[in-house]
Amino acid sequence: MDSIPRKRPKSESKPPKRNPKSSHSPIRSLLEPPQSFFPSKEEFIKLLTVLLIACAVAFTCSFLAKLLGSDPKSFCDSDSDSVDSDLDSCEPCPVNGECHQGKLQCNHGYRKQGTLCIEDGAIFESTKKLVRHFERKVCEAYALNECYGTDTIWVPENGVWNELRISGFMDNLDESAYDFVKAKAVEAVAELLEKRINANGIDELKCPELLMESYKPLTCRVQQWLLQHIVIVSSSCAMLVTCAILLRKIQRKRRFSSRVEELYDQVCDFLEENAVTSNSADSNCEPWVIASRLRDHLLLPRERRDPLLWTKVEELIQEDSRIDRYPKIIKGEQKVVWEWQVEGSLSLSKLKKRRETQKKVRQISDSNKILQDNYNRRIAETSS
């Protein structure tokens, strides 16, 4: 077995075939760049961010260098002609300012901010306060004259300035600022208030009608409104008073009628009970009742002062056929007595009470009967 030589497979005996393109692979690998040569997506974003930051820093440095390195332009003189002046070499003089030899000087009431002259806040507030003081002084005087006639319509302008000077309203301003504020206030006051020169040559101020209305006291406004609408107000008050009186009379009449009916029912009940009691065997009372004594028994002390109340009760008694009215001499005096004539009859109130009592008794007896039936049924069930 060991002497027999082994044969190689045919696949191993054949030499491998060469690919014609494999001969060029070393050259191509040298010409093509490696994969790590191109940056990744994250590296590309970082590179772009760095470039943007560098451009922004370069632009900012260039702008600051140009701004700091260049000399600011001087202002063109105010008295020079704007056409003849070279605008490339100087800045035009701003409004509310004066320029001389390239320097800017803002007018009173204005302050420098960059290349402009803006209004000074403190000066502006002082002017507003001054104008409001003029408005309040003049308008209040007109309002008091219109309401109570205690002041004048036209107020002297110099008087207001003297009050301001005495009160120290403008002490915090220097002379130039004071002149400027006063000039601005005079312009504003001339636009806001009416102005005239009287026969003595003194300037006087007057508040407009619409503005004066807002300075009137509340009591004055109410008083003037009532005077303007006196007819409507008086007629409305008269109607209210009349309605109140009528309503009160109606209520009194209703209470009076209900009280008369109540007294009439009490008289009927009393006479009927007295008649029933007198008919009993062991009773010694009379079947009649003296009307005046019954009146004093039923009426309250304050009701005895009103004779009309008992008169209405007597009218109802007189119309009732169940009650007799006749005179009778009692202890030597003639009295009017009332007597119940219907035997065995009951008034409506007593009939109603008796029916209610009978109804309650019937309900109680029915409930007792039901309970007794239930009790008997349970006993029968238990015994069975």
Protein backbone atom coordinates (compact mmCIF):
# COMPACT_ATOMS: atom_id res chain seq x y z
CA MET A 1 0.00 0.00 0.00
CA ASP A 2 2.88 2.36 0.80
CA SER A 3 4.72 1.60 -2.51
CA ILE A 4 1.86 2.73 -4.71
CA PRO A 5 2.41 6.39 -5.64
CA ARG A 6 -0.43 8.82 -5.20
CA LYS A 7 -1.65 10.89 -8.13
CA ARG A 8 -2.29 14.61 -7.80
CA PRO A 9 -5.60 15.91 -8.76
CA LYS A 10 -5.81 17.59 -12.15
CA SER A 11 -6.77 20.87 -10.69
CA GLU A 12 -3.51 21.06 -8.83
CA SER A 13 -1.42 20.01 -11.78
CA LYS A 14 -2.63 22.90 -13.97
CA PRO A 15 -0.78 26.16 -13.56
CA PRO A 16 -2.94 29.16 -12.54
CA LYS A 17 -4.07 31.44 -15.31
CA ARG A 18 -2.96 35.05 -15.19
CA ASN A 19 -5.48 37.82 -15.48
CA PRO A 20 -4.36 40.30 -18.08
CA LYS A 21 -5.68 43.20 -16.00
CA SER A 22 -3.76 42.12 -12.90
CA SER A 23 -0.59 43.33 -14.44
CA HIS A 24 -1.73 46.95 -14.21
CA SER A 25 -2.93 46.84 -10.52
CA PRO A 26 0.37 48.13 -9.02
CA ILE A 27 0.36 51.15 -11.31
CA ARG A 28 -3.29 51.95 -10.54
CA SER A 29 -2.72 51.64 -6.81
CA LEU A 30 0.04 54.20 -7.11
CA LEU A 31 -2.09 56.67 -9.11
CA GLU A 32 -5.33 56.46 -7.00
CA PRO A 33 -5.31 58.42 -3.68
CA PRO A 34 -5.97 56.51 -0.49
CA GLN A 35 -9.40 56.61 1.15
CA SER A 36 -8.12 58.65 4.12
CA PHE A 37 -7.05 61.45 1.75
CA PHE A 38 -10.60 63.01 1.62
CA PRO A 39 -12.02 64.44 4.89
CA SER A 40 -15.09 62.95 6.49
CA LYS A 41 -18.40 64.80 6.92
CA GLU A 42 -17.68 65.83 10.52
CA GLU A 43 -14.20 67.09 9.59
CA PHE A 44 -15.63 69.07 6.68
CA ILE A 45 -18.15 70.82 8.98
CA LYS A 46 -15.42 71.69 11.47
CA LEU A 47 -13.24 73.08 8.67
CA LEU A 48 -16.11 75.22 7.37
CA THR A 49 -16.82 76.58 10.89
CA VAL A 50 -13.18 77.55 11.37
CA LEU A 51 -13.13 79.34 8.01
CA LEU A 52 -16.29 81.33 8.88
CA ILE A 53 -14.92 82.40 12.28
CA ALA A 54 -11.67 83.45 10.68
CA CYS A 55 -13.51 85.55 8.07
CA ALA A 56 -15.64 87.26 10.78
CA VAL A 57 -12.56 88.08 12.87
CA ALA A 58 -10.74 89.45 9.83
CA PHE A 59 -13.71 91.64 8.84
CA THR A 60 -14.15 92.99 12.39
CA CYS A 61 -10.44 93.81 12.70
CA SER A 62 -10.48 95.57 9.35
CA PHE A 63 -13.55 97.65 10.30
CA LEU A 64 -12.11 98.66 13.68
CA ALA A 65 -8.78 99.57 12.12
CA LYS A 66 -10.48 101.74 9.52
CA LEU A 67 -12.71 103.36 12.17
CA LEU A 68 -9.92 104.09 14.62
CA GLY A 69 -7.31 104.94 12.05
CA SER A 70 -9.42 107.46 10.11
CA ASP A 71 -9.80 110.98 11.44
CA PRO A 72 -13.44 112.09 12.06
CA LYS A 73 -14.79 114.64 9.64
CA SER A 74 -15.15 118.16 10.94
CA PHE A 75 -18.43 120.03 10.66
CA CYS A 76 -19.08 122.52 7.93
CA ASP A 77 -19.46 126.09 9.17
CA SER A 78 -23.04 127.27 9.67
CA ASP A 79 -22.46 130.58 7.83
CA SER A 80 -20.96 128.86 4.77
CA ASP A 81 -23.08 127.95 1.75
CA SER A 82 -23.91 124.25 1.61
CA VAL A 83 -23.43 124.24 -2.18
CA ASP A 84 -19.98 125.77 -2.06
CA SER A 85 -18.77 123.66 0.87
CA ASP A 86 -17.16 120.33 0.17
CA LEU A 87 -19.42 117.71 1.72
CA ASP A 88 -16.78 115.02 1.27
CA SER A 89 -14.36 116.78 3.56
CA CYS A 90 -16.84 117.95 6.27
CA GLU A 91 -20.11 116.95 7.87
CA PRO A 92 -23.15 119.25 7.37
CA CYS A 93 -24.08 121.19 10.48
CA PRO A 94 -27.15 119.53 12.16
CA VAL A 95 -30.41 121.23 12.97
CA ASN A 96 -30.60 123.06 16.33
CA GLY A 97 -26.84 123.53 16.32
CA GLU A 98 -24.17 126.03 15.27
CA CYS A 99 -20.87 125.00 13.70
CA HIS A 100 -17.71 127.13 13.65
CA GLN A 101 -14.21 126.04 12.63
CA GLY A 102 -15.34 122.41 12.43
CA LYS A 103 -16.81 122.29 15.94
CA LEU A 104 -20.47 121.76 16.82
CA GLN A 105 -22.23 123.82 19.49
CA CYS A 106 -25.87 122.80 20.22
CA ASN A 107 -28.46 125.47 20.98
CA HIS A 108 -30.00 125.92 24.41
CA GLY A 109 -32.33 123.09 25.29
CA TYR A 110 -30.46 120.62 23.09
CA ARG A 111 -27.48 118.37 23.76
CA LYS A 112 -24.95 116.75 21.49
CA GLN A 113 -25.30 113.06 20.68
CA GLY A 114 -22.92 111.90 17.97
CA THR A 115 -23.38 114.21 15.02
CA LEU A 116 -26.87 115.38 16.06
CA CYS A 117 -28.39 117.85 18.52
CA ILE A 118 -31.28 116.25 20.38
CA GLU A 119 -33.68 117.87 22.84
CA ASP A 120 -32.55 117.89 26.45
CA GLY A 121 -34.88 115.77 28.64
CA ALA A 122 -34.60 117.97 31.75
CA ILE A 123 -35.34 121.13 29.79
CA PHE A 124 -38.27 119.47 28.06
CA GLU A 125 -39.80 118.32 31.38
CA SER A 126 -39.39 121.80 32.86
CA THR A 127 -41.23 123.27 29.87
CA LYS A 128 -44.08 120.78 30.24
CA LYS A 129 -44.44 121.55 33.97
CA LEU A 130 -44.48 125.26 33.23
CA VAL A 131 -47.20 124.88 30.59
CA ARG A 132 -49.30 122.67 32.90
CA HIS A 133 -49.02 125.28 35.66
CA PHE A 134 -50.29 127.99 33.28
CA GLU A 135 -53.14 125.76 32.15
CA ARG A 136 -54.21 124.85 35.68
CA LYS A 137 -54.02 128.44 36.95
CA VAL A 138 -55.99 129.99 34.07
CA CYS A 139 -58.56 127.20 33.70
CA GLU A 140 -59.28 126.94 37.43
CA ALA A 141 -59.90 130.69 37.60
CA TYR A 142 -62.36 130.48 34.70
CA ALA A 143 -64.09 127.42 36.23
CA LEU A 144 -64.54 129.13 39.62
CA ASN A 145 -65.96 132.20 37.92
CA GLU A 146 -68.35 130.06 35.92
CA CYS A 147 -69.51 128.09 38.99
CA TYR A 148 -69.44 130.55 41.87
CA GLY A 149 -68.45 133.91 40.32
CA THR A 150 -65.48 134.26 42.70
CA ASP A 151 -62.63 134.64 40.19
CA THR A 152 -61.85 136.24 36.81
CA ILE A 153 -62.17 134.86 33.32
CA TRP A 154 -59.09 136.64 31.90
CA VAL A 155 -55.92 136.10 33.99
CA PRO A 156 -52.94 138.50 33.65
CA GLU A 157 -49.91 136.69 32.24
CA ASN A 158 -47.41 138.69 34.33
CA GLY A 159 -49.23 137.64 37.49
CA VAL A 160 -48.64 133.97 36.71
CA TRP A 161 -44.94 134.61 35.99
CA ASN A 162 -44.58 136.48 39.27
CA GLU A 163 -46.14 133.59 41.19
CA LEU A 164 -43.73 131.17 39.54
CA ARG A 165 -40.78 133.37 40.36
CA ILE A 166 -41.87 133.74 44.01
CA SER A 167 -42.51 130.01 44.44
CA GLY A 168 -38.99 129.20 43.13
CA PHE A 169 -40.33 127.03 40.33
CA MET A 170 -37.39 127.84 38.01
CA ASP A 171 -34.56 128.19 40.55
CA ASN A 172 -32.85 125.01 39.35
CA LEU A 173 -32.13 126.54 35.90
CA ASP A 174 -29.44 129.01 34.95
CA GLU A 175 -30.24 132.26 33.15
CA SER A 176 -29.77 130.95 29.62
CA ALA A 177 -31.81 127.81 30.30
CA TYR A 178 -34.49 129.91 32.01
CA ASP A 179 -34.79 132.18 28.97
CA PHE A 180 -35.03 129.19 26.67
CA VAL A 181 -37.67 127.43 28.82
CA LYS A 182 -39.66 130.63 29.11
CA ALA A 183 -39.61 131.19 25.35
CA LYS A 184 -40.75 127.62 24.68
CA ALA A 185 -43.45 127.89 27.36
CA VAL A 186 -44.75 131.16 25.89
CA GLU A 187 -45.05 129.49 22.48
CA ALA A 188 -46.90 126.48 23.92
CA VAL A 189 -49.21 128.64 26.05
CA ALA A 190 -50.07 130.80 23.03
CA GLU A 191 -51.14 127.65 21.16
CA LEU A 192 -53.06 126.18 24.10
CA LEU A 193 -54.81 129.23 25.64
CA GLU A 194 -56.54 132.32 24.29
CA LYS A 195 -54.58 135.54 24.58
CA ARG A 196 -55.47 139.24 24.35
CA ILE A 197 -54.16 142.68 25.32
CA ASN A 198 -56.51 144.67 27.52
CA ALA A 199 -57.05 148.44 27.52
CA ASN A 200 -54.07 148.94 29.87
CA GLY A 201 -51.71 147.09 27.53
CA ILE A 202 -51.41 144.00 29.77
CA ASP A 203 -51.37 140.51 28.25
CA GLU A 204 -54.21 138.34 29.55
CA LEU A 205 -54.94 134.64 29.13
CA LYS A 206 -58.22 132.75 28.97
CA CYS A 207 -58.96 129.01 29.04
CA PRO A 208 -60.98 127.52 26.14
CA GLU A 209 -64.53 126.43 26.94
CA LEU A 210 -63.98 122.71 26.36
CA LEU A 211 -60.80 122.64 28.44
CA MET A 212 -62.44 124.65 31.23
CA GLU A 213 -65.20 122.04 31.66
CA SER A 214 -62.68 119.47 32.89
CA TYR A 215 -61.56 121.81 35.72
CA LYS A 216 -65.02 122.34 37.22
CA PRO A 217 -65.60 120.78 40.67
CA LEU A 218 -67.93 117.82 40.87
CA THR A 219 -70.49 119.70 42.96
CA CYS A 220 -70.57 122.47 40.39
CA ARG A 221 -71.13 119.99 37.56
CA VAL A 222 -74.02 118.36 39.43
CA GLN A 223 -75.57 121.72 40.24
CA GLN A 224 -75.35 122.95 36.64
CA TRP A 225 -76.75 119.66 35.32
CA LEU A 226 -79.74 119.95 37.67
CA LEU A 227 -80.34 123.53 36.60
CA GLN A 228 -80.20 122.57 32.92
CA HIS A 229 -82.63 119.67 33.41
CA ILE A 230 -84.80 121.20 36.13
CA VAL A 231 -88.05 120.41 34.28
CA ILE A 232 -87.21 116.75 33.79
CA VAL A 233 -85.88 116.35 37.33
CA SER A 234 -88.88 118.07 38.96
CA SER A 235 -91.42 116.13 36.92
CA SER A 236 -89.62 112.84 37.66
CA CYS A 237 -89.56 113.61 41.38
CA ALA A 238 -93.25 114.53 41.34
CA MET A 239 -94.09 111.28 39.57
CA LEU A 240 -92.06 109.27 42.06
CA VAL A 241 -93.70 110.97 45.04
CA THR A 242 -97.16 110.47 43.53
CA CYS A 243 -96.49 106.81 42.84
CA ALA A 244 -95.19 106.32 46.39
CA ILE A 245 -98.28 107.97 47.86
CA LEU A 246 -100.64 105.90 45.71
CA LEU A 247 -98.80 102.71 46.58
CA ARG A 248 -98.98 103.52 50.26
CA LYS A 249 -102.70 104.23 50.03
CA ILE A 250 -103.31 100.95 48.21
CA GLN A 251 -101.37 99.02 50.82
CA ARG A 252 -103.24 100.73 53.66
CA LYS A 253 -106.56 100.01 51.99
CA ARG A 254 -105.70 96.34 51.60
CA ARG A 255 -104.61 96.07 55.23
CA PHE A 256 -107.78 97.89 56.29
CA SER A 257 -110.03 95.53 54.30
CA SER A 258 -108.27 92.43 55.59
CA ARG A 259 -108.56 93.71 59.18
CA VAL A 260 -112.27 94.43 58.75
CA GLU A 261 -112.86 90.90 57.47
CA GLU A 262 -110.82 89.46 60.32
CA LEU A 263 -112.85 91.36 62.92
CA TYR A 264 -116.09 90.31 61.26
CA ASP A 265 -115.10 86.62 61.46
CA GLN A 266 -114.16 87.06 65.13
CA VAL A 267 -117.53 88.66 65.91
CA CYS A 268 -119.39 85.82 64.21
CA ASP A 269 -117.39 83.17 66.06
CA PHE A 270 -117.87 84.91 69.37
CA LEU A 271 -121.66 85.31 68.92
CA GLU A 272 -122.06 81.73 67.77
CA GLU A 273 -120.10 80.32 70.71
CA ASN A 274 -122.07 82.52 73.08
CA ALA A 275 -125.36 81.26 71.61
CA VAL A 276 -124.31 77.61 71.91
CA THR A 277 -123.15 78.16 75.49
CA SER A 278 -126.37 79.93 76.50
CA ASN A 279 -128.50 77.07 75.12
CA SER A 280 -126.79 74.52 77.29
CA ALA A 281 -128.65 73.39 80.40
CA ASP A 282 -126.07 74.35 83.02
CA SER A 283 -125.35 77.83 81.60
CA ASN A 284 -126.62 81.12 83.04
CA CYS A 285 -125.20 83.50 80.37
CA GLU A 286 -127.37 85.55 78.08
CA PRO A 287 -127.64 84.71 74.36
CA TRP A 288 -126.96 88.32 73.37
CA VAL A 289 -123.75 90.41 73.60
CA ILE A 290 -123.40 94.16 74.03
CA ALA A 291 -121.88 95.53 70.84
CA SER A 292 -119.73 98.20 72.52
CA ARG A 293 -118.18 95.71 74.93
CA LEU A 294 -117.45 93.29 72.10
CA ARG A 295 -115.84 96.14 70.17
CA ASP A 296 -113.57 97.04 73.07
CA HIS A 297 -112.71 93.38 73.53
CA LEU A 298 -111.65 92.78 69.91
CA LEU A 299 -110.03 96.07 68.89
CA LEU A 300 -106.44 96.95 69.75
CA PRO A 301 -105.85 100.23 71.65
CA ARG A 302 -104.43 101.99 68.58
CA GLU A 303 -107.34 100.73 66.44
CA ARG A 304 -109.94 102.34 68.75
CA ARG A 305 -108.80 105.77 67.55
CA ASP A 306 -110.06 104.97 64.05
CA PRO A 307 -113.90 104.89 64.24
CA LEU A 308 -114.12 103.96 60.54
CA LEU A 309 -112.76 100.47 61.23
CA TRP A 310 -115.58 99.44 63.55
CA THR A 311 -118.13 101.24 61.39
CA LYS A 312 -117.19 98.93 58.46
CA VAL A 313 -117.55 95.90 60.77
CA GLU A 314 -121.00 97.10 61.84
CA GLU A 315 -122.02 97.44 58.18
CA LEU A 316 -121.07 93.82 57.56
CA ILE A 317 -122.91 92.72 60.71
CA GLN A 318 -125.98 94.65 59.59
CA GLU A 319 -125.99 92.86 56.24
CA ASP A 320 -125.67 89.43 57.92
CA SER A 321 -129.13 87.80 58.36
CA ARG A 322 -127.85 85.40 61.02
CA ILE A 323 -127.28 88.23 63.52
CA ASP A 324 -130.03 90.33 65.09
CA ARG A 325 -129.34 93.89 66.25
CA TYR A 326 -131.75 95.47 68.70
CA PRO A 327 -131.61 97.92 71.61
CA LYS A 328 -131.87 96.73 75.20
CA ILE A 329 -131.93 98.57 78.52
CA ILE A 330 -129.14 97.29 80.75
CA LYS A 331 -128.71 98.82 84.21
CA GLY A 332 -130.81 101.79 83.26
CA GLU A 333 -128.88 102.48 80.03
CA GLN A 334 -129.96 101.67 76.54
CA LYS A 335 -127.41 99.49 74.73
CA VAL A 336 -127.28 97.89 71.30
CA VAL A 337 -126.95 94.14 71.59
CA TRP A 338 -126.15 91.46 69.00
CA GLU A 339 -127.57 87.95 69.07
CA TRP A 340 -126.92 84.87 67.00
CA GLN A 341 -130.25 83.56 65.68
CA VAL A 342 -129.36 80.39 63.76
CA GLU A 343 -129.51 77.32 65.98
CA GLY A 344 -127.14 74.48 65.29
CA SER A 345 -125.41 76.26 62.44
CA LEU A 346 -121.73 76.96 62.31
CA SER A 347 -119.84 79.70 60.62
CA LEU A 348 -117.58 78.97 57.72
CA SER A 349 -114.45 79.11 59.82
CA LYS A 350 -115.80 76.59 62.31
CA LEU A 351 -117.06 74.36 59.55
CA LYS A 352 -113.63 74.37 58.03
CA LYS A 353 -112.00 73.58 61.36
CA ARG A 354 -114.46 70.76 62.01
CA ARG A 355 -113.83 69.28 58.57
CA GLU A 356 -110.09 69.38 59.12
CA THR A 357 -110.49 67.73 62.51
CA GLN A 358 -112.71 65.01 61.08
CA LYS A 359 -110.22 64.43 58.28
CA LYS A 360 -107.37 64.02 60.76
CA VAL A 361 -109.41 61.64 62.91
CA ARG A 362 -110.30 59.60 59.83
CA GLN A 363 -106.65 59.38 58.80
CA ILE A 364 -105.60 58.27 62.28
CA SER A 365 -108.32 55.60 62.39
CA ASP A 366 -107.35 54.34 58.93
CA SER A 367 -103.70 54.06 59.92
CA ASN A 368 -104.65 52.24 63.13
CA LYS A 369 -106.83 49.85 61.13
CA ILE A 370 -103.97 49.11 58.75
CA LEU A 371 -101.61 48.42 61.62
CA GLN A 372 -104.17 46.12 63.26
CA ASP A 373 -104.67 44.19 60.01
CA ASN A 374 -100.93 43.75 59.58
CA TYR A 375 -100.60 42.56 63.16
CA ASN A 376 -103.42 40.03 62.74
CA ARG A 377 -101.90 38.74 59.48
CA ARG A 378 -98.52 38.16 61.10
CA ILE A 379 -100.15 36.32 64.01
CA ALA A 380 -102.06 34.11 61.59
CA GLU A 381 -98.88 33.35 59.62
CA THR A 382 -96.98 32.51 62.79
CA SER A 383 -99.68 30.15 64.08
CA SER A 384 -99.93 28.34 60.75
